[in-house]
Amino acid sequence: MVDVIETERLTLRSRNESDLEANLMMELDPEVHHYIFSSAPDPVEHKAESFLGLQRVGLK
């Protein structure tokens, strides 16, 4: 499995624990979650689910 893909303008890498708070802030923004979720997620529940998802894929 490739850990990092880089181009001149973009770096793609696996998510890690340090990304969790920023990712949650983005997903819970009403302007963003409108496109991701059918209804607004509960912030506490969503954080727990996101953290468990990171653990399932091998948190780094």
Protein backbone atom coordinates (compact mmCIF):
# COMPACT_ATOMS: atom_id res chain seq x y z
CA MET A 1 0.00 0.00 0.00
CA VAL A 2 1.28 3.49 -0.88
CA ASP A 3 1.37 5.80 2.16
CA VAL A 4 1.88 9.09 0.29
CA ILE A 5 1.20 10.28 -3.24
CA GLU A 6 2.78 13.61 -4.18
CA THR A 7 2.53 15.90 -7.18
CA GLU A 8 3.75 19.47 -7.67
CA ARG A 9 0.57 20.89 -6.16
CA LEU A 10 -0.89 18.13 -4.00
CA THR A 11 0.08 15.63 -1.33
CA LEU A 12 -2.31 12.79 -0.50
CA ARG A 13 -1.74 10.67 2.58
CA SER A 14 -3.65 8.45 4.95
CA ARG A 15 -5.60 10.18 7.68
CA ASN A 16 -4.16 10.12 11.17
CA GLU A 17 -5.24 11.09 14.67
CA SER A 18 -3.96 14.65 14.30
CA ASP A 19 -6.47 15.17 11.45
CA LEU A 20 -9.50 14.24 13.56
CA GLU A 21 -10.43 17.67 14.99
CA ALA A 22 -9.99 19.55 11.69
CA ASN A 23 -11.93 16.87 9.83
CA LEU A 24 -14.78 17.00 12.35
CA MET A 25 -14.95 20.80 12.16
CA MET A 26 -15.21 20.58 8.38
CA GLU A 27 -17.85 17.82 8.39
CA LEU A 28 -19.98 19.55 11.03
CA ASP A 29 -19.97 22.89 9.19
CA PRO A 30 -23.56 23.35 7.94
CA GLU A 31 -22.28 24.45 4.50
CA VAL A 32 -20.36 21.16 4.18
CA HIS A 33 -22.54 18.57 5.93
CA HIS A 34 -25.42 19.55 3.65
CA TYR A 35 -23.55 17.68 0.89
CA ILE A 36 -22.28 14.78 3.01
CA PHE A 37 -25.17 13.85 5.32
CA SER A 38 -28.95 13.65 4.89
CA SER A 39 -29.38 15.35 8.28
CA ALA A 40 -27.08 17.12 10.72
CA PRO A 41 -25.03 14.59 12.72
CA ASP A 42 -24.76 14.74 16.48
CA PRO A 43 -21.26 16.20 17.09
CA VAL A 44 -20.35 13.91 20.00
CA GLU A 45 -21.61 10.77 18.26
CA HIS A 46 -19.95 11.75 14.98
CA LYS A 47 -16.58 12.31 16.72
CA ALA A 48 -16.76 8.87 18.34
CA GLU A 49 -17.69 7.21 15.04
CA SER A 50 -14.89 9.02 13.20
CA PHE A 51 -12.31 7.98 15.79
CA LEU A 52 -13.48 4.35 15.63
CA GLY A 53 -13.26 4.51 11.84
CA LEU A 54 -9.65 5.66 12.08
CA GLN A 55 -8.87 2.81 14.46
CA ARG A 56 -10.43 0.26 12.08
CA VAL A 57 -8.19 1.37 9.20
CA GLY A 58 -5.04 1.40 11.30
CA LEU A 59 -4.66 4.76 13.03
CA LYS A 60 -1.17 6.16 12.51
